PDB file of N, CA and C in Angstrom:
ATOM      1  N   MET A   1       8.658  10.769  -1.040  1.00  0.00           N
ATOM      2  CA  MET A   1       8.038  10.378   0.260  1.00  0.00           C
ATOM      3  C   MET A   1       6.790   9.238  -0.022  1.00  0.00           C
ATOM      4  N   THR A   2       6.780   8.360   1.072  1.00  0.00           N
ATOM      5  CA  THR A   2       5.859   7.336   0.882  1.00  0.00           C
ATOM      6  C   THR A   2       4.502   7.839   1.467  1.00  0.00           C
ATOM      7  N   ALA A   3       3.609   7.328   0.662  1.00  0.00           N
ATOM      8  CA  ALA A   3       2.033   7.516   0.992  1.00  0.00           C
ATOM      9  C   ALA A   3       1.423   6.333   1.388  1.00  0.00           C
ATOM     10  N   TYR A   4       0.386   6.310   2.410  1.00  0.00           N
ATOM     11  CA  TYR A   4      -0.416   5.223   2.785  1.00  0.00           C
ATOM     12  C   TYR A   4      -1.758   5.529   2.645  1.00  0.00           C
ATOM     13  N   ALA A   5      -2.478   4.600   2.445  1.00  0.00           N
ATOM     14  CA  ALA A   5      -4.034   4.808   2.494  1.00  0.00           C
ATOM     15  C   ALA A   5      -4.894   3.540   2.953  1.00  0.00           C
ATOM     16  N   ASN A   6      -5.903   3.739   3.592  1.00  0.00           N
ATOM     17  CA  ASN A   6      -6.932   2.702   3.966  1.00  0.00           C
ATOM     18  C   ASN A   6      -8.098   2.904   3.096  1.00  0.00           C
ATOM     19  N   ALA A   7      -8.389   1.864   2.364  1.00  0.00           N
ATOM     20  CA  ALA A   7      -9.417   2.036   1.321  1.00  0.00           C
ATOM     21  C   ALA A   7     -10.507   0.949   1.515  1.00  0.00           C
ATOM     22  N   LYS A   8     -11.644   1.025   0.967  1.00  0.00           N
ATOM     23  CA  LYS A   8     -12.637  -0.100   1.062  1.00  0.00           C
ATOM     24  C   LYS A   8     -13.239  -0.173  -0.333  1.00  0.00           C
ATOM     25  N   ASP A   9     -13.765  -1.459  -0.698  1.00  0.00           N
ATOM     26  CA  ASP A   9     -14.251  -1.746  -1.892  1.00  0.00           C
ATOM     27  C   ASP A   9     -15.804  -1.584  -1.798  1.00  0.00           C
ATOM     28  N   GLN A  10     -16.545  -2.037  -2.756  1.00  0.00           N
ATOM     29  CA  GLN A  10     -18.158  -1.951  -2.737  1.00  0.00           C
ATOM     30  C   GLN A  10     -18.723  -2.847  -1.659  1.00  0.00           C
ATOM     31  N   ASP A  11     -18.137  -3.996  -1.410  1.00  0.00           N
ATOM     32  CA  ASP A  11     -18.422  -4.859  -0.494  1.00  0.00           C
ATOM     33  C   ASP A  11     -17.994  -4.454   0.897  1.00  0.00           C
ATOM     34  N   ASN A  12     -17.354  -3.385   1.173  1.00  0.00           N
ATOM     35  CA  ASN A  12     -17.002  -2.924   2.437  1.00  0.00           C
ATOM     36  C   ASN A  12     -15.399  -3.680   2.863  1.00  0.00           C
ATOM     37  N   GLY A  13     -14.836  -4.528   1.905  1.00  0.00           N
ATOM     38  CA  GLY A  13     -13.651  -5.006   2.110  1.00  0.00           C
ATOM     39  C   GLY A  13     -12.656  -4.055   2.306  1.00  0.00           C
ATOM     40  N   ARG A  14     -11.637  -4.208   3.184  1.00  0.00           N
ATOM     41  CA  ARG A  14     -10.702  -3.349   3.352  1.00  0.00           C
ATOM     42  C   ARG A  14      -9.443  -3.539   2.640  1.00  0.00           C
ATOM     43  N   LYS A  15      -8.710  -2.496   2.094  1.00  0.00           N
ATOM     44  CA  LYS A  15      -7.591  -2.543   1.275  1.00  0.00           C
ATOM     45  C   LYS A  15      -6.697  -1.595   1.842  1.00  0.00           C
ATOM     46  N   TYR A  16      -5.390  -2.070   2.063  1.00  0.00           N
ATOM     47  CA  TYR A  16      -4.385  -1.213   2.757  1.00  0.00           C
ATOM     48  C   TYR A  16      -3.282  -0.960   1.556  1.00  0.00           C
ATOM     49  N   LEU A  17      -2.979   0.242   1.187  1.00  0.00           N
ATOM     50  CA  LEU A  17      -2.183   0.527   0.098  1.00  0.00           C
ATOM     51  C   LEU A  17      -0.995   1.453   0.314  1.00  0.00           C
ATOM     52  N   VAL A  18      -0.039   1.270  -0.364  1.00  0.00           N
ATOM     53  CA  VAL A  18       1.276   2.068  -0.207  1.00  0.00           C
ATOM     54  C   VAL A  18       1.793   2.432  -1.514  1.00  0.00           C
ATOM     55  N   ALA A  19       2.296   3.707  -1.679  1.00  0.00           N
ATOM     56  CA  ALA A  19       2.878   3.994  -3.029  1.00  0.00           C
ATOM     57  C   ALA A  19       3.881   5.258  -2.724  1.00  0.00           C
ATOM     58  N   ASP A  20       4.631   5.553  -3.689  1.00  0.00           N
ATOM     59  CA  ASP A  20       5.366   6.890  -3.556  1.00  0.00           C
ATOM     60  C   ASP A  20       4.790   8.173  -3.435  1.00  0.00           C
ATOM     61  N   SER A  21       3.563   8.432  -3.798  1.00  0.00           N
ATOM     62  CA  SER A  21       2.707   9.501  -3.695  1.00  0.00           C
ATOM     63  C   SER A  21       1.279   9.204  -3.412  1.00  0.00           C
ATOM     64  N   SER A  22       0.693  10.160  -3.021  1.00  0.00           N
ATOM     65  CA  SER A  22      -0.860  10.007  -2.810  1.00  0.00           C
ATOM     66  C   SER A  22      -1.438  10.134  -4.118  1.00  0.00           C
ATOM     67  N   GLU A  23      -0.908  10.801  -4.949  1.00  0.00           N
ATOM     68  CA  GLU A  23      -1.612  10.984  -6.459  1.00  0.00           C
ATOM     69  C   GLU A  23      -1.457   9.252  -7.011  1.00  0.00           C
ATOM     70  N   GLU A  24      -0.636   8.522  -6.781  1.00  0.00           N
ATOM     71  CA  GLU A  24      -0.558   7.312  -7.173  1.00  0.00           C
ATOM     72  C   GLU A  24      -1.672   6.325  -6.673  1.00  0.00           C
ATOM     73  N   ILE A  25      -1.912   6.554  -5.436  1.00  0.00           N
ATOM     74  CA  ILE A  25      -2.820   5.966  -4.754  1.00  0.00           C
ATOM     75  C   ILE A  25      -4.307   6.150  -5.010  1.00  0.00           C
ATOM     76  N   SER A  26      -4.537   7.447  -5.316  1.00  0.00           N
ATOM     77  CA  SER A  26      -5.736   8.094  -5.753  1.00  0.00           C
ATOM     78  C   SER A  26      -6.048   7.548  -7.308  1.00  0.00           C
ATOM     79  N   LYS A  27      -5.098   7.411  -8.151  1.00  0.00           N
ATOM     80  CA  LYS A  27      -5.127   6.993  -9.435  1.00  0.00           C
ATOM     81  C   LYS A  27      -5.583   5.530  -9.339  1.00  0.00           C
ATOM     82  N   TYR A  28      -4.950   4.707  -8.509  1.00  0.00           N
ATOM     83  CA  TYR A  28      -5.183   3.317  -8.395  1.00  0.00           C
ATOM     84  C   TYR A  28      -6.708   3.090  -7.839  1.00  0.00           C
ATOM     85  N   CYS A  29      -7.081   4.019  -6.962  1.00  0.00           N
ATOM     86  CA  CYS A  29      -8.442   3.825  -6.371  1.00  0.00           C
ATOM     87  C   CYS A  29      -9.452   4.217  -7.180  1.00  0.00           C
ATOM     88  N   ILE A  30      -9.151   5.207  -8.068  1.00  0.00           N
ATOM     89  CA  ILE A  30     -10.237   5.453  -9.343  1.00  0.00           C
ATOM     90  C   ILE A  30     -10.278   4.199 -10.077  1.00  0.00           C
ATOM     91  N   GLU A  31      -9.172   3.727 -10.646  1.00  0.00           N
ATOM     92  CA  GLU A  31      -9.164   2.620 -11.542  1.00  0.00           C
ATOM     93  C   GLU A  31      -9.864   1.433 -11.036  1.00  0.00           C
ATOM     94  N   HIS A  32      -9.815   1.183  -9.743  1.00  0.00           N
ATOM     95  CA  HIS A  32     -10.320  -0.119  -9.172  1.00  0.00           C
ATOM     96  C   HIS A  32     -11.460   0.038  -8.283  1.00  0.00           C
ATOM     97  N   ASN A  33     -12.192   1.274  -8.429  1.00  0.00           N
ATOM     98  CA  ASN A  33     -13.391   1.623  -7.818  1.00  0.00           C
ATOM     99  C   ASN A  33     -13.431   1.419  -6.155  1.00  0.00           C
ATOM    100  N   LEU A  34     -12.342   2.134  -5.708  1.00  0.00           N
ATOM    101  CA  LEU A  34     -12.142   1.924  -4.311  1.00  0.00           C
ATOM    102  C   LEU A  34     -12.457   3.244  -3.714  1.00  0.00           C
ATOM    103  N   GLU A  35     -12.767   3.346  -2.333  1.00  0.00           N
ATOM    104  CA  GLU A  35     -13.038   4.776  -1.675  1.00  0.00           C
ATOM    105  C   GLU A  35     -11.939   4.762  -0.632  1.00  0.00           C
ATOM    106  N   ILE A  36     -11.374   5.827  -0.440  1.00  0.00           N
ATOM    107  CA  ILE A  36     -10.186   6.069   0.554  1.00  0.00           C
ATOM    108  C   ILE A  36     -10.920   6.529   1.651  1.00  0.00           C
ATOM    109  N   ILE A  37     -10.580   5.843   2.843  1.00  0.00           N
ATOM    110  CA  ILE A  37     -11.252   6.040   4.188  1.00  0.00           C
ATOM    111  C   ILE A  37     -10.188   6.926   4.964  1.00  0.00           C
ATOM    112  N   SER A  38      -8.897   6.627   4.964  1.00  0.00           N
ATOM    113  CA  SER A  38      -8.079   7.531   5.765  1.00  0.00           C
ATOM    114  C   SER A  38      -6.623   7.348   5.123  1.00  0.00           C
ATOM    115  N   GLU A  39      -5.665   8.255   5.329  1.00  0.00           N
ATOM    116  CA  GLU A  39      -4.502   8.438   4.740  1.00  0.00           C
ATOM    117  C   GLU A  39      -3.507   8.588   5.934  1.00  0.00           C
ATOM    118  N   PRO A  40      -3.045   7.470   6.685  1.00  0.00           N
ATOM    119  CA  PRO A  40      -2.219   7.743   7.939  1.00  0.00           C
ATOM    120  C   PRO A  40      -0.822   8.272   7.448  1.00  0.00           C
ATOM    121  N   HIS A  41      -0.003   9.065   8.279  1.00  0.00           N
ATOM    122  CA  HIS A  41       1.165   9.706   8.067  1.00  0.00           C
ATOM    123  C   HIS A  41       2.304   8.729   8.423  1.00  0.00           C
ATOM    124  N   TYR A  42       2.047   7.885   9.190  1.00  0.00           N
ATOM    125  CA  TYR A  42       3.274   6.807   9.612  1.00  0.00           C
ATOM    126  C   TYR A  42       2.578   5.461   9.750  1.00  0.00           C
ATOM    127  N   VAL A  43       3.233   4.426   9.192  1.00  0.00           N
ATOM    128  CA  VAL A  43       2.946   2.980   9.391  1.00  0.00           C
ATOM    129  C   VAL A  43       4.176   2.212   9.590  1.00  0.00           C
ATOM    130  N   GLU A  44       4.168   1.289  10.832  1.00  0.00           N
ATOM    131  CA  GLU A  44       5.263   0.548  11.045  1.00  0.00           C
ATOM    132  C   GLU A  44       5.737  -0.425   9.792  1.00  0.00           C
ATOM    133  N   PRO A  45       7.122  -0.188   9.401  1.00  0.00           N
ATOM    134  CA  PRO A  45       7.467  -1.153   8.199  1.00  0.00           C
ATOM    135  C   PRO A  45       6.949  -2.414   8.294  1.00  0.00           C
ATOM    136  N   GLY A  46       7.045  -3.095   9.404  1.00  0.00           N
ATOM    137  CA  GLY A  46       6.639  -4.458   9.499  1.00  0.00           C
ATOM    138  C   GLY A  46       5.176  -4.678   9.147  1.00  0.00           C
ATOM    139  N   MET A  47       4.327  -3.752   9.438  1.00  0.00           N
ATOM    140  CA  MET A  47       2.783  -3.790   8.844  1.00  0.00           C
ATOM    141  C   MET A  47       2.731  -3.656   7.462  1.00  0.00           C
ATOM    142  N   VAL A  48       3.656  -2.722   7.030  1.00  0.00           N
ATOM    143  CA  VAL A  48       3.508  -2.484   5.488  1.00  0.00           C
ATOM    144  C   VAL A  48       4.021  -3.750   4.764  1.00  0.00           C
ATOM    145  N   CYS A  49       5.018  -4.402   5.245  1.00  0.00           N
ATOM    146  CA  CYS A  49       5.420  -5.751   4.682  1.00  0.00           C
ATOM    147  C   CYS A  49       4.379  -6.629   4.601  1.00  0.00           C
ATOM    148  N   HIS A  50       3.721  -6.874   5.590  1.00  0.00           N
ATOM    149  CA  HIS A  50       2.752  -8.022   5.694  1.00  0.00           C
ATOM    150  C   HIS A  50       1.387  -7.605   5.166  1.00  0.00           C
ATOM    151  N   HIS A  51       0.729  -6.416   5.438  1.00  0.00           N
ATOM    152  CA  HIS A  51      -0.441  -6.052   4.987  1.00  0.00           C
ATOM    153  C   HIS A  51      -0.719  -5.143   4.031  1.00  0.00           C
ATOM    154  N   PHE A  52       0.292  -4.390   3.488  1.00  0.00           N
ATOM    155  CA  PHE A  52      -0.130  -3.306   2.517  1.00  0.00           C
ATOM    156  C   PHE A  52       0.243  -3.819   1.080  1.00  0.00           C
ATOM    157  N   ASP A  53      -0.574  -3.425   0.104  1.00  0.00           N
ATOM    158  CA  ASP A  53      -0.390  -3.668  -1.301  1.00  0.00           C
ATOM    159  C   ASP A  53       0.457  -2.538  -1.725  1.00  0.00           C
ATOM    160  N   TRP A  54       1.524  -2.807  -2.636  1.00  0.00           N
ATOM    161  CA  TRP A  54       2.147  -1.705  -3.390  1.00  0.00           C
ATOM    162  C   TRP A  54       1.397  -1.415  -4.512  1.00  0.00           C
ATOM    163  N   VAL A  55       1.174  -0.099  -4.693  1.00  0.00           N
ATOM    164  CA  VAL A  55       0.488   0.261  -6.048  1.00  0.00           C
ATOM    165  C   VAL A  55       1.221   1.549  -6.682  1.00  0.00           C
ATOM    166  N   GLY A  56       2.403   1.625  -6.444  1.00  0.00           N
ATOM    167  CA  GLY A  56       3.256   2.622  -6.946  1.00  0.00           C
ATOM    168  C   GLY A  56       3.737   2.208  -8.459  1.00  0.00           C
ATOM    169  N   ASN A  57       4.199   3.209  -9.241  1.00  0.00           N
ATOM    170  CA  ASN A  57       4.550   2.969 -10.469  1.00  0.00           C
ATOM    171  C   ASN A  57       5.987   2.131 -10.686  1.00  0.00           C
ATOM    172  N   ARG A  58       6.631   2.349  -9.821  1.00  0.00           N
ATOM    173  CA  ARG A  58       8.162   1.616  -9.853  1.00  0.00           C
ATOM    174  C   ARG A  58       7.849   0.342  -9.056  1.00  0.00           C
ATOM    175  N   ARG A  59       9.088  -0.395  -9.066  1.00  0.00           N
ATOM    176  CA  ARG A  59       9.208  -1.688  -8.127  1.00  0.00           C
ATOM    177  C   ARG A  59       8.956  -1.481  -6.681  1.00  0.00           C
ATOM    178  N   ARG A  60       8.540  -2.385  -5.987  1.00  0.00           N
ATOM    179  CA  ARG A  60       8.311  -2.324  -4.627  1.00  0.00           C
ATOM    180  C   ARG A  60       9.799  -2.152  -3.856  1.00  0.00           C
ATOM    181  N   PRO A  61       9.959  -1.141  -3.075  1.00  0.00           N
ATOM    182  CA  PRO A  61      11.226  -0.700  -2.520  1.00  0.00           C
ATOM    183  C   PRO A  61      11.539  -2.002  -1.453  1.00  0.00           C
ATOM    184  N   ALA A  62      13.020  -2.202  -1.456  1.00  0.00           N
ATOM    185  CA  ALA A  62      13.426  -3.420  -0.606  1.00  0.00           C
ATOM    186  C   ALA A  62      13.055  -3.274   0.773  1.00  0.00           C
ATOM    187  N   ILE A  63      12.964  -1.878   1.262  1.00  0.00           N
ATOM    188  CA  ILE A  63      12.747  -1.919   2.701  1.00  0.00           C
ATOM    189  C   ILE A  63      11.280  -2.681   3.031  1.00  0.00           C
ATOM    190  N   PHE A  64      10.264  -2.647   2.129  1.00  0.00           N
ATOM    191  CA  PHE A  64       8.997  -3.269   2.194  1.00  0.00           C
ATOM    192  C   PHE A  64       8.893  -4.575   1.762  1.00  0.00           C
ATOM    193  N   LYS A  65       9.884  -5.239   1.539  1.00  0.00           N
ATOM    194  CA  LYS A  65       9.838  -6.725   1.225  1.00  0.00           C
ATOM    195  C   LYS A  65      10.400  -7.653   2.207  1.00  0.00           C
ATOM    196  N   ILE A  66       9.675  -8.722   2.372  1.00  0.00           N
ATOM    197  CA  ILE A  66       9.886  -9.431   3.647  1.00  0.00           C
ATOM    198  C   ILE A  66      11.122 -10.341   3.232  1.00  0.00           C
ATOM    199  N   SER A  67      12.030 -10.174   4.336  1.00  0.00           N
ATOM    200  CA  SER A  67      13.344 -11.003   4.223  1.00  0.00           C
ATOM    201  C   SER A  67      13.174 -12.563   4.275  1.00  0.00           C
ATOM    202  N   ARG A  68      13.855 -13.179   3.561  1.00  0.00           N
ATOM    203  CA  ARG A  68      13.792 -14.679   3.577  1.00  0.00           C
ATOM    204  C   ARG A  68      15.182 -15.116   3.957  1.00  0.00           C
ATOM    205  N   PRO A  69      15.303 -16.190   4.626  1.00  0.00           N
ATOM    206  CA  PRO A  69      16.570 -16.714   5.056  1.00  0.00           C
ATOM    207  C   PRO A  69      17.165 -17.368   3.829  1.00  0.00           C
ATOM    208  N   TYR A  70      18.458 -17.471   3.807  1.00  0.00           N
ATOM    209  CA  TYR A  70      19.286 -17.929   2.840  1.00  0.00           C
ATOM    210  C   TYR A  70      19.301 -19.466   2.815  1.00  0.00           C
ATOM    211  N   SER A  71      19.026 -20.159   1.978  1.00  0.00           N
ATOM    212  CA  SER A  71      19.167 -21.631   1.994  1.00  0.00           C
ATOM    213  C   SER A  71      20.016 -22.019   0.753  1.00  0.00           C
ATOM    214  N   LYS A  72      20.829 -23.104   1.142  1.00  0.00           N
ATOM    215  CA  LYS A  72      21.836 -23.567   0.049  1.00  0.00           C
ATOM    216  C   LYS A  72      21.066 -24.658  -0.864  1.00  0.00           C
TER     217      LYS A  72
END
């Protein structure tokens, strides 16, 4: 299950995070000194692709990658 979080750093800069679980997000926030503001249950995939940072342990899932046109 995918987990999302809105966090802020010491300078009140916003960070938008996505991972496979909320535990991965919590661990990332502790390591990078971030405070979790909210944990939305759903975020549009387009918003995740463009604005959210993947902080999970595995590679970023293909559904969250931005499609690029094929060029020869």
